[in-house]
PDB file of all heavy atoms in Angstrom:
ATOM      1  N   GLU A   1     127.761 112.226 110.803  1.00  0.00           N
ATOM      2  CA  GLU A   1     128.960 112.055 111.628  1.00  0.00           C
ATOM      3  C   GLU A   1     129.917 111.029 111.037  1.00  0.00           C
ATOM      4  O   GLU A   1     131.141 111.212 111.066  1.00  0.00           O
ATOM      5  CB  GLU A   1     128.533 111.615 113.034  1.00  0.00           C
ATOM      6  CG  GLU A   1     129.673 111.342 113.987  1.00  0.00           C
ATOM      7  CD  GLU A   1     129.175 110.792 115.315  1.00  0.00           C
ATOM      8  OE1 GLU A   1     128.037 111.112 115.718  1.00  0.00           O
ATOM      9  OE2 GLU A   1     129.935 110.031 115.959  1.00  0.00           O
ATOM     10  N   THR A   2     129.382 109.942 110.484  1.00  0.00           N
ATOM     11  CA  THR A   2     130.222 108.848 109.978  1.00  0.00           C
ATOM     12  C   THR A   2     130.446 108.909 108.472  1.00  0.00           C
ATOM     13  O   THR A   2     131.197 108.097 107.933  1.00  0.00           O
ATOM     14  CB  THR A   2     129.581 107.489 110.315  1.00  0.00           C
ATOM     15  OG1 THR A   2     128.289 107.418 109.693  1.00  0.00           O
ATOM     16  CG2 THR A   2     129.433 107.319 111.822  1.00  0.00           C
ATOM     17  N   GLU A   3     129.764 109.848 107.792  1.00  0.00           N
ATOM     18  CA  GLU A   3     129.824 109.945 106.332  1.00  0.00           C
ATOM     19  C   GLU A   3     129.387 108.624 105.689  1.00  0.00           C
ATOM     20  O   GLU A   3     129.974 108.176 104.702  1.00  0.00           O
ATOM     21  CB  GLU A   3     131.226 110.339 105.868  1.00  0.00           C
ATOM     22  CG  GLU A   3     131.665 111.719 106.376  1.00  0.00           C
ATOM     23  CD  GLU A   3     133.047 112.107 105.865  1.00  0.00           C
ATOM     24  OE1 GLU A   3     133.770 111.221 105.370  1.00  0.00           O
ATOM     25  OE2 GLU A   3     133.386 113.293 105.946  1.00  0.00           O
ATOM     26  N   ALA A   4     128.379 108.022 106.245  1.00  0.00           N
ATOM     27  CA  ALA A   4     127.859 106.754 105.713  1.00  0.00           C
ATOM     28  C   ALA A   4     127.164 106.993 104.376  1.00  0.00           C
ATOM     29  O   ALA A   4     126.530 108.031 104.164  1.00  0.00           O
ATOM     30  CB  ALA A   4     126.885 106.120 106.706  1.00  0.00           C
ATOM     31  N   GLY A   5     127.266 106.016 103.489  1.00  0.00           N
ATOM     32  CA  GLY A   5     126.631 106.132 102.178  1.00  0.00           C
ATOM     33  C   GLY A   5     125.377 105.299 102.032  1.00  0.00           C
ATOM     34  O   GLY A   5     124.660 105.423 101.043  1.00  0.00           O
ATOM     35  N   VAL A   6     125.101 104.443 103.027  1.00  0.00           N
ATOM     36  CA  VAL A   6     123.936 103.579 102.941  1.00  0.00           C
ATOM     37  C   VAL A   6     123.452 103.244 104.349  1.00  0.00           C
ATOM     38  O   VAL A   6     124.248 103.102 105.275  1.00  0.00           O
ATOM     39  CB  VAL A   6     124.262 102.279 102.153  1.00  0.00           C
ATOM     40  CG1 VAL A   6     125.360 101.486 102.827  1.00  0.00           C
ATOM     41  CG2 VAL A   6     123.016 101.423 101.970  1.00  0.00           C
ATOM     42  N   VAL A   7     122.137 103.165 104.498  1.00  0.00           N
ATOM     43  CA  VAL A   7     121.516 102.723 105.744  1.00  0.00           C
ATOM     44  C   VAL A   7     120.798 101.408 105.449  1.00  0.00           C
ATOM     45  O   VAL A   7     119.996 101.337 104.515  1.00  0.00           O
ATOM     46  CB  VAL A   7     120.527 103.766 106.297  1.00  0.00           C
ATOM     47  CG1 VAL A   7     119.845 103.247 107.565  1.00  0.00           C
ATOM     48  CG2 VAL A   7     121.251 105.084 106.583  1.00  0.00           C
ATOM     49  N   ILE A   8     121.097 100.381 106.239  1.00  0.00           N
ATOM     50  CA  ILE A   8     120.559  99.043 105.999  1.00  0.00           C
ATOM     51  C   ILE A   8     119.624  98.661 107.141  1.00  0.00           C
ATOM     52  O   ILE A   8     120.027  98.667 108.310  1.00  0.00           O
ATOM     53  CB  ILE A   8     121.695  98.007 105.871  1.00  0.00           C
ATOM     54  CG1 ILE A   8     122.669  98.429 104.766  1.00  0.00           C
ATOM     55  CG2 ILE A   8     121.130  96.629 105.583  1.00  0.00           C
ATOM     56  CD1 ILE A   8     123.884  97.526 104.634  1.00  0.00           C
ATOM     57  N   PHE A   9     118.381  98.325 106.792  1.00  0.00           N
ATOM     58  CA  PHE A   9     117.368  97.952 107.782  1.00  0.00           C
ATOM     59  C   PHE A   9     117.283  96.433 107.888  1.00  0.00           C
ATOM     60  O   PHE A   9     117.357  95.724 106.880  1.00  0.00           O
ATOM     61  CB  PHE A   9     116.016  98.555 107.402  1.00  0.00           C
ATOM     62  CG  PHE A   9     115.959 100.045 107.616  1.00  0.00           C
ATOM     63  CD1 PHE A   9     116.546 100.920 106.700  1.00  0.00           C
ATOM     64  CD2 PHE A   9     115.335 100.580 108.731  1.00  0.00           C
ATOM     65  CE1 PHE A   9     116.512 102.287 106.893  1.00  0.00           C
ATOM     66  CE2 PHE A   9     115.292 101.948 108.937  1.00  0.00           C
ATOM     67  CZ  PHE A   9     115.877 102.810 108.020  1.00  0.00           C
ATOM     68  N   ASP A  10     117.068  95.954 109.117  1.00  0.00           N
ATOM     69  CA  ASP A  10     117.159  94.525 109.390  1.00  0.00           C
ATOM     70  C   ASP A  10     115.938  93.729 108.939  1.00  0.00           C
ATOM     71  O   ASP A  10     115.985  92.511 108.890  1.00  0.00           O
ATOM     72  CB  ASP A  10     117.384  94.286 110.893  1.00  0.00           C
ATOM     73  CG  ASP A  10     117.678  92.838 111.207  1.00  0.00           C
ATOM     74  OD1 ASP A  10     118.518  92.244 110.504  1.00  0.00           O
ATOM     75  OD2 ASP A  10     117.052  92.285 112.131  1.00  0.00           O
ATOM     76  N   ASP A  11     114.838  94.388 108.620  1.00  0.00           N
ATOM     77  CA  ASP A  11     113.651  93.700 108.114  1.00  0.00           C
ATOM     78  C   ASP A  11     113.383  94.151 106.685  1.00  0.00           C
ATOM     79  O   ASP A  11     113.948  95.151 106.222  1.00  0.00           O
ATOM     80  CB  ASP A  11     112.431  94.016 108.987  1.00  0.00           C
ATOM     81  CG  ASP A  11     112.562  93.417 110.372  1.00  0.00           C
ATOM     82  OD1 ASP A  11     112.393  92.199 110.509  1.00  0.00           O
ATOM     83  OD2 ASP A  11     112.858  94.171 111.321  1.00  0.00           O
ATOM     84  N   GLU A  12     112.503  93.427 105.986  1.00  0.00           N
ATOM     85  CA  GLU A  12     112.100  93.873 104.655  1.00  0.00           C
ATOM     86  C   GLU A  12     111.133  95.043 104.808  1.00  0.00           C
ATOM     87  O   GLU A  12     110.096  94.923 105.457  1.00  0.00           O
ATOM     88  CB  GLU A  12     111.444  92.747 103.865  1.00  0.00           C
ATOM     89  CG  GLU A  12     111.020  93.209 102.466  1.00  0.00           C
ATOM     90  CD  GLU A  12     110.583  92.065 101.558  1.00  0.00           C
ATOM     91  OE1 GLU A  12     111.215  90.997 101.603  1.00  0.00           O
ATOM     92  OE2 GLU A  12     109.602  92.258 100.820  1.00  0.00           O
ATOM     93  N   LEU A  13     111.484  96.174 104.224  1.00  0.00           N
ATOM     94  CA  LEU A  13     110.622  97.353 104.256  1.00  0.00           C
ATOM     95  C   LEU A  13     109.533  97.222 103.206  1.00  0.00           C
ATOM     96  O   LEU A  13     109.770  96.700 102.115  1.00  0.00           O
ATOM     97  CB  LEU A  13     111.438  98.618 103.979  1.00  0.00           C
ATOM     98  CG  LEU A  13     112.601  98.932 104.924  1.00  0.00           C
ATOM     99  CD1 LEU A  13     113.361 100.160 104.432  1.00  0.00           C
ATOM    100  CD2 LEU A  13     112.124  99.142 106.353  1.00  0.00           C
ATOM    101  N   THR A  14     108.343  97.706 103.521  1.00  0.00           N
ATOM    102  CA  THR A  14     107.321  97.793 102.483  1.00  0.00           C
ATOM    103  C   THR A  14     107.718  98.902 101.521  1.00  0.00           C
ATOM    104  O   THR A  14     108.510  99.788 101.875  1.00  0.00           O
ATOM    105  CB  THR A  14     105.948  98.111 103.096  1.00  0.00           C
ATOM    106  OG1 THR A  14     105.986  99.446 103.630  1.00  0.00           O
ATOM    107  CG2 THR A  14     105.581  97.112 104.188  1.00  0.00           C
ATOM    108  N   PRO A  15     107.213  98.891 100.282  1.00  0.00           N
ATOM    109  CA  PRO A  15     107.537  99.987  99.364  1.00  0.00           C
ATOM    110  C   PRO A  15     107.216 101.360  99.954  1.00  0.00           C
ATOM    111  O   PRO A  15     107.980 102.316  99.765  1.00  0.00           O
ATOM    112  CB  PRO A  15     106.663  99.678  98.139  1.00  0.00           C
ATOM    113  CG  PRO A  15     106.527  98.188  98.146  1.00  0.00           C
ATOM    114  CD  PRO A  15     106.432  97.824  99.601  1.00  0.00           C
ATOM    115  N   THR A  16     106.109 101.471 100.689  1.00  0.00           N
ATOM    116  CA  THR A  16     105.750 102.752 101.305  1.00  0.00           C
ATOM    117  C   THR A  16     106.751 103.143 102.377  1.00  0.00           C
ATOM    118  O   THR A  16     107.190 104.303 102.450  1.00  0.00           O
ATOM    119  CB  THR A  16     104.338 102.677 101.916  1.00  0.00           C
ATOM    120  OG1 THR A  16     103.404 102.389 100.882  1.00  0.00           O
ATOM    121  CG2 THR A  16     103.960 103.998 102.574  1.00  0.00           C
ATOM    122  N   GLN A  17     107.136 102.182 103.233  1.00  0.00           N
ATOM    123  CA  GLN A  17     108.133 102.474 104.257  1.00  0.00           C
ATOM    124  C   GLN A  17     109.445 102.919 103.622  1.00  0.00           C
ATOM    125  O   GLN A  17     110.077 103.878 104.086  1.00  0.00           O
ATOM    126  CB  GLN A  17     108.382 101.235 105.121  1.00  0.00           C
ATOM    127  CG  GLN A  17     107.312 100.956 106.156  1.00  0.00           C
ATOM    128  CD  GLN A  17     107.580  99.682 106.926  1.00  0.00           C
ATOM    129  OE1 GLN A  17     108.115  98.710 106.375  1.00  0.00           O
ATOM    130  NE2 GLN A  17     107.199  99.651 108.193  1.00  0.00           N
ATOM    131  N   GLN A  18     109.848 102.251 102.548  1.00  0.00           N
ATOM    132  CA  GLN A  18     111.107 102.607 101.913  1.00  0.00           C
ATOM    133  C   GLN A  18     111.056 104.021 101.340  1.00  0.00           C
ATOM    134  O   GLN A  18     112.009 104.789 101.489  1.00  0.00           O
ATOM    135  CB  GLN A  18     111.457 101.592 100.815  1.00  0.00           C
ATOM    136  CG  GLN A  18     112.814 101.858 100.176  1.00  0.00           C
ATOM    137  CD  GLN A  18     113.508 100.592  99.729  1.00  0.00           C
ATOM    138  OE1 GLN A  18     113.061  99.478 100.013  1.00  0.00           O
ATOM    139  NE2 GLN A  18     114.618 100.746  99.044  1.00  0.00           N
ATOM    140  N   ARG A  19     109.942 104.383 100.698  1.00  0.00           N
ATOM    141  CA  ARG A  19     109.814 105.746 100.168  1.00  0.00           C
ATOM    142  C   ARG A  19     109.866 106.768 101.292  1.00  0.00           C
ATOM    143  O   ARG A  19     110.547 107.791 101.181  1.00  0.00           O
ATOM    144  CB  ARG A  19     108.503 105.886  99.382  1.00  0.00           C
ATOM    145  CG  ARG A  19     108.492 105.184  98.040  1.00  0.00           C
ATOM    146  CD  ARG A  19     107.335 105.658  97.170  1.00  0.00           C
ATOM    147  NE  ARG A  19     106.034 105.297  97.721  1.00  0.00           N
ATOM    148  CZ  ARG A  19     105.416 104.153  97.478  1.00  0.00           C
ATOM    149  NH1 ARG A  19     105.995 103.240  96.715  1.00  0.00           N
ATOM    150  NH2 ARG A  19     104.226 103.909  97.991  1.00  0.00           N
ATOM    151  N   ASN A  20     109.156 106.492 102.381  1.00  0.00           N
ATOM    152  CA  ASN A  20     109.132 107.433 103.502  1.00  0.00           C
ATOM    153  C   ASN A  20     110.511 107.593 104.137  1.00  0.00           C
ATOM    154  O   ASN A  20     110.930 108.709 104.477  1.00  0.00           O
ATOM    155  CB  ASN A  20     108.126 106.966 104.559  1.00  0.00           C
ATOM    156  CG  ASN A  20     106.689 107.041 104.082  1.00  0.00           C
ATOM    157  OD1 ASN A  20     106.374 107.796 103.161  1.00  0.00           O
ATOM    158  ND2 ASN A  20     105.808 106.266 104.696  1.00  0.00           N
ATOM    159  N   VAL A  21     111.207 106.488 104.300  1.00  0.00           N
ATOM    160  CA  VAL A  21     112.534 106.535 104.920  1.00  0.00           C
ATOM    161  C   VAL A  21     113.523 107.255 104.016  1.00  0.00           C
ATOM    162  O   VAL A  21     114.319 108.086 104.469  1.00  0.00           O
ATOM    163  CB  VAL A  21     113.027 105.103 105.241  1.00  0.00           C
ATOM    164  CG1 VAL A  21     114.484 105.133 105.669  1.00  0.00           C
ATOM    165  CG2 VAL A  21     112.171 104.480 106.338  1.00  0.00           C
ATOM    166  N   GLU A  22     113.489 106.961 102.710  1.00  0.00           N
ATOM    167  CA  GLU A  22     114.392 107.641 101.777  1.00  0.00           C
ATOM    168  C   GLU A  22     114.136 109.132 101.763  1.00  0.00           C
ATOM    169  O   GLU A  22     115.068 109.943 101.689  1.00  0.00           O
ATOM    170  CB  GLU A  22     114.223 107.058 100.368  1.00  0.00           C
ATOM    171  CG  GLU A  22     114.823 105.681 100.203  1.00  0.00           C
ATOM    172  CD  GLU A  22     114.555 105.094  98.835  1.00  0.00           C
ATOM    173  OE1 GLU A  22     113.601 105.555  98.176  1.00  0.00           O
ATOM    174  OE2 GLU A  22     115.280 104.172  98.437  1.00  0.00           O
ATOM    175  N   SER A  23     112.870 109.527 101.843  1.00  0.00           N
ATOM    176  CA  SER A  23     112.527 110.948 101.863  1.00  0.00           C
ATOM    177  C   SER A  23     113.065 111.626 103.113  1.00  0.00           C
ATOM    178  O   SER A  23     113.523 112.771 103.070  1.00  0.00           O
ATOM    179  CB  SER A  23     111.006 111.110 101.788  1.00  0.00           C
ATOM    180  OG  SER A  23     110.637 112.463 101.871  1.00  0.00           O
ATOM    181  N   ALA A  24     113.039 110.908 104.238  1.00  0.00           N
ATOM    182  CA  ALA A  24     113.483 111.493 105.498  1.00  0.00           C
ATOM    183  C   ALA A  24     115.002 111.508 105.640  1.00  0.00           C
ATOM    184  O   ALA A  24     115.563 112.422 106.251  1.00  0.00           O
ATOM    185  CB  ALA A  24     112.863 110.723 106.669  1.00  0.00           C
ATOM    186  N   LEU A  25     115.682 110.527 105.062  1.00  0.00           N
ATOM    187  CA  LEU A  25     117.122 110.401 105.276  1.00  0.00           C
ATOM    188  C   LEU A  25     117.958 110.987 104.153  1.00  0.00           C
ATOM    189  O   LEU A  25     119.102 111.379 104.362  1.00  0.00           O
ATOM    190  CB  LEU A  25     117.498 108.919 105.455  1.00  0.00           C
ATOM    191  CG  LEU A  25     116.895 108.194 106.660  1.00  0.00           C
ATOM    192  CD1 LEU A  25     117.404 106.757 106.720  1.00  0.00           C
ATOM    193  CD2 LEU A  25     117.236 108.929 107.957  1.00  0.00           C
ATOM    194  N   GLU A  26     117.436 111.007 102.927  1.00  0.00           N
ATOM    195  CA  GLU A  26     118.169 111.508 101.764  1.00  0.00           C
ATOM    196  C   GLU A  26     119.525 110.820 101.610  1.00  0.00           C
ATOM    197  O   GLU A  26     120.553 111.446 101.348  1.00  0.00           O
ATOM    198  CB  GLU A  26     118.341 113.027 101.847  1.00  0.00           C
ATOM    199  CG  GLU A  26     117.005 113.775 101.856  1.00  0.00           C
ATOM    200  CD  GLU A  26     117.154 115.264 101.647  1.00  0.00           C
ATOM    201  OE1 GLU A  26     118.287 115.712 101.397  1.00  0.00           O
ATOM    202  OE2 GLU A  26     116.139 115.967 101.714  1.00  0.00           O
ATOM    203  N   VAL A  27     119.523 109.503 101.829  1.00  0.00           N
ATOM    204  CA  VAL A  27     120.696 108.672 101.620  1.00  0.00           C
ATOM    205  C   VAL A  27     120.179 107.328 101.124  1.00  0.00           C
ATOM    206  O   VAL A  27     119.000 107.004 101.290  1.00  0.00           O
ATOM    207  CB  VAL A  27     121.502 108.511 102.936  1.00  0.00           C
ATOM    208  CG1 VAL A  27     120.729 107.681 103.951  1.00  0.00           C
ATOM    209  CG2 VAL A  27     122.877 107.904 102.684  1.00  0.00           C
ATOM    210  N   LYS A  28     121.034 106.559 100.487  1.00  0.00           N
ATOM    211  CA  LYS A  28     120.575 105.271  99.970  1.00  0.00           C
ATOM    212  C   LYS A  28     120.094 104.375 101.107  1.00  0.00           C
ATOM    213  O   LYS A  28     120.746 104.251 102.146  1.00  0.00           O
ATOM    214  CB  LYS A  28     121.681 104.570  99.184  1.00  0.00           C
ATOM    215  CG  LYS A  28     121.205 103.250  98.560  1.00  0.00           C
ATOM    216  CD  LYS A  28     122.091 102.774  97.423  1.00  0.00           C
ATOM    217  CE  LYS A  28     123.442 102.313  97.896  1.00  0.00           C
ATOM    218  NZ  LYS A  28     124.222 101.671  96.817  1.00  0.00           N
ATOM    219  N   VAL A  29     118.951 103.750 100.889  1.00  0.00           N
ATOM    220  CA  VAL A  29     118.335 102.888 101.894  1.00  0.00           C
ATOM    221  C   VAL A  29     118.100 101.513 101.267  1.00  0.00           C
ATOM    222  O   VAL A  29     117.515 101.419 100.182  1.00  0.00           O
ATOM    223  CB  VAL A  29     116.991 103.477 102.377  1.00  0.00           C
ATOM    224  CG1 VAL A  29     116.245 102.469 103.255  1.00  0.00           C
ATOM    225  CG2 VAL A  29     117.222 104.782 103.131  1.00  0.00           C
ATOM    226  N   ILE A  30     118.555 100.462 101.920  1.00  0.00           N
ATOM    227  CA  ILE A  30     118.226  99.114 101.489  1.00  0.00           C
ATOM    228  C   ILE A  30     117.807  98.318 102.721  1.00  0.00           C
ATOM    229  O   ILE A  30     118.092  98.712 103.860  1.00  0.00           O
ATOM    230  CB  ILE A  30     119.380  98.400 100.743  1.00  0.00           C
ATOM    231  CG1 ILE A  30     120.553  98.139 101.672  1.00  0.00           C
ATOM    232  CG2 ILE A  30     119.812  99.181  99.532  1.00  0.00           C
ATOM    233  CD1 ILE A  30     121.639  97.291 101.021  1.00  0.00           C
ATOM    234  N   ASP A  31     117.116  97.219 102.489  1.00  0.00           N
ATOM    235  CA  ASP A  31     116.669  96.394 103.602  1.00  0.00           C
ATOM    236  C   ASP A  31     117.357  95.035 103.561  1.00  0.00           C
ATOM    237  O   ASP A  31     118.203  94.773 102.697  1.00  0.00           O
ATOM    238  CB  ASP A  31     115.144  96.265 103.615  1.00  0.00           C
ATOM    239  CG  ASP A  31     114.594  95.648 102.323  1.00  0.00           C
ATOM    240  OD1 ASP A  31     115.370  95.005 101.585  1.00  0.00           O
ATOM    241  OD2 ASP A  31     113.394  95.824 102.045  1.00  0.00           O
ATOM    242  N   ARG A  32     116.992  94.181 104.506  1.00  0.00           N
ATOM    243  CA  ARG A  32     117.635  92.878 104.637  1.00  0.00           C
ATOM    244  C   ARG A  32     117.480  92.043 103.361  1.00  0.00           C
ATOM    245  O   ARG A  32     118.424  91.377 102.926  1.00  0.00           O
ATOM    246  CB  ARG A  32     117.032  92.141 105.834  1.00  0.00           C
ATOM    247  CG  ARG A  32     117.697  90.818 106.171  1.00  0.00           C
ATOM    248  CD  ARG A  32     116.948  90.127 107.310  1.00  0.00           C
ATOM    249  NE  ARG A  32     117.584  88.889 107.708  1.00  0.00           N
ATOM    250  CZ  ARG A  32     118.508  88.771 108.655  1.00  0.00           C
ATOM    251  NH1 ARG A  32     118.909  89.862 109.303  1.00  0.00           N
ATOM    252  NH2 ARG A  32     119.028  87.599 108.965  1.00  0.00           N
ATOM    253  N   THR A  33     116.302  92.104 102.741  1.00  0.00           N
ATOM    254  CA  THR A  33     116.064  91.320 101.528  1.00  0.00           C
ATOM    255  C   THR A  33     116.984  91.763 100.398  1.00  0.00           C
ATOM    256  O   THR A  33     117.599  90.933  99.712  1.00  0.00           O
ATOM    257  CB  THR A  33     114.598  91.448 101.095  1.00  0.00           C
ATOM    258  OG1 THR A  33     113.759  90.880 102.107  1.00  0.00           O
ATOM    259  CG2 THR A  33     114.345  90.726  99.777  1.00  0.00           C
ATOM    260  N   ALA A  34     117.083  93.076 100.181  1.00  0.00           N
ATOM    261  CA  ALA A  34     117.966  93.589  99.123  1.00  0.00           C
ATOM    262  C   ALA A  34     119.414  93.209  99.389  1.00  0.00           C
ATOM    263  O   ALA A  34     120.170  92.888  98.461  1.00  0.00           O
ATOM    264  CB  ALA A  34     117.824  95.110  99.013  1.00  0.00           C
ATOM    265  N   LEU A  35     119.801  93.226 100.665  1.00  0.00           N
ATOM    266  CA  LEU A  35     121.170  92.877 101.022  1.00  0.00           C
ATOM    267  C   LEU A  35     121.455  91.402 100.725  1.00  0.00           C
ATOM    268  O   LEU A  35     122.494  91.063 100.149  1.00  0.00           O
ATOM    269  CB  LEU A  35     121.395  93.174 102.507  1.00  0.00           C
ATOM    270  CG  LEU A  35     122.791  92.888 103.065  1.00  0.00           C
ATOM    271  CD1 LEU A  35     123.840  93.751 102.366  1.00  0.00           C
ATOM    272  CD2 LEU A  35     122.820  93.126 104.576  1.00  0.00           C
ATOM    273  N   ILE A  36     120.530  90.525 101.104  1.00  0.00           N
ATOM    274  CA  ILE A  36     120.718  89.091 100.847  1.00  0.00           C
ATOM    275  C   ILE A  36     120.769  88.824  99.342  1.00  0.00           C
ATOM    276  O   ILE A  36     121.606  88.040  98.864  1.00  0.00           O
ATOM    277  CB  ILE A  36     119.602  88.272 101.516  1.00  0.00           C
ATOM    278  CG1 ILE A  36     119.753  88.325 103.044  1.00  0.00           C
ATOM    279  CG2 ILE A  36     119.634  86.823 101.043  1.00  0.00           C
ATOM    280  CD1 ILE A  36     118.632  87.643 103.802  1.00  0.00           C
ATOM    281  N   LEU A  37     119.896  89.479  98.585  1.00  0.00           N
ATOM    282  CA  LEU A  37     119.908  89.288  97.133  1.00  0.00           C
ATOM    283  C   LEU A  37     121.214  89.784  96.528  1.00  0.00           C
ATOM    284  O   LEU A  37     121.706  89.220  95.549  1.00  0.00           O
ATOM    285  CB  LEU A  37     118.718  90.007  96.495  1.00  0.00           C
ATOM    286  CG  LEU A  37     117.344  89.381  96.772  1.00  0.00           C
ATOM    287  CD1 LEU A  37     116.238  90.248  96.174  1.00  0.00           C
ATOM    288  CD2 LEU A  37     117.265  87.964  96.213  1.00  0.00           C
ATOM    289  N   ASP A  38     121.783  90.840  97.111  1.00  0.00           N
ATOM    290  CA  ASP A  38     123.076  91.328  96.636  1.00  0.00           C
ATOM    291  C   ASP A  38     124.157  90.275  96.870  1.00  0.00           C
ATOM    292  O   ASP A  38     124.978  89.995  95.985  1.00  0.00           O
ATOM    293  CB  ASP A  38     123.442  92.623  97.364  1.00  0.00           C
ATOM    294  CG  ASP A  38     124.758  93.213  96.887  1.00  0.00           C
ATOM    295  OD1 ASP A  38     124.738  93.964  95.906  1.00  0.00           O
ATOM    296  OD2 ASP A  38     125.812  92.899  97.476  1.00  0.00           O
ATOM    297  N   VAL A  39     124.153  89.653  98.056  1.00  0.00           N
ATOM    298  CA  VAL A  39     125.120  88.596  98.352  1.00  0.00           C
ATOM    299  C   VAL A  39     124.900  87.404  97.429  1.00  0.00           C
ATOM    300  O   VAL A  39     125.859  86.814  96.917  1.00  0.00           O
ATOM    301  CB  VAL A  39     125.010  88.179  99.835  1.00  0.00           C
ATOM    302  CG1 VAL A  39     125.914  86.981 100.121  1.00  0.00           C
ATOM    303  CG2 VAL A  39     125.382  89.350 100.747  1.00  0.00           C
ATOM    304  N   PHE A  40     123.630  87.055  97.193  1.00  0.00           N
ATOM    305  CA  PHE A  40     123.329  85.980  96.247  1.00  0.00           C
ATOM    306  C   PHE A  40     123.938  86.278  94.881  1.00  0.00           C
ATOM    307  O   PHE A  40     124.509  85.409  94.228  1.00  0.00           O
ATOM    308  CB  PHE A  40     121.814  85.816  96.095  1.00  0.00           C
ATOM    309  CG  PHE A  40     121.156  84.986  97.162  1.00  0.00           C
ATOM    310  CD1 PHE A  40     121.817  84.670  98.333  1.00  0.00           C
ATOM    311  CD2 PHE A  40     119.871  84.524  97.000  1.00  0.00           C
ATOM    312  CE1 PHE A  40     121.215  83.908  99.324  1.00  0.00           C
ATOM    313  CE2 PHE A  40     119.251  83.757  97.971  1.00  0.00           C
ATOM    314  CZ  PHE A  40     119.929  83.455  99.134  1.00  0.00           C
TER     315      PHE A  40
END
């Protein structure tokens, strides 16, 4: 609906959670840790 290019999760995802979420959403997925490191 929003044509979003990324979904950002508020906690740090485990590698398994990230793989599962990416498989289900088929869009770029990052978590809070990746976002903070990007700002850093």
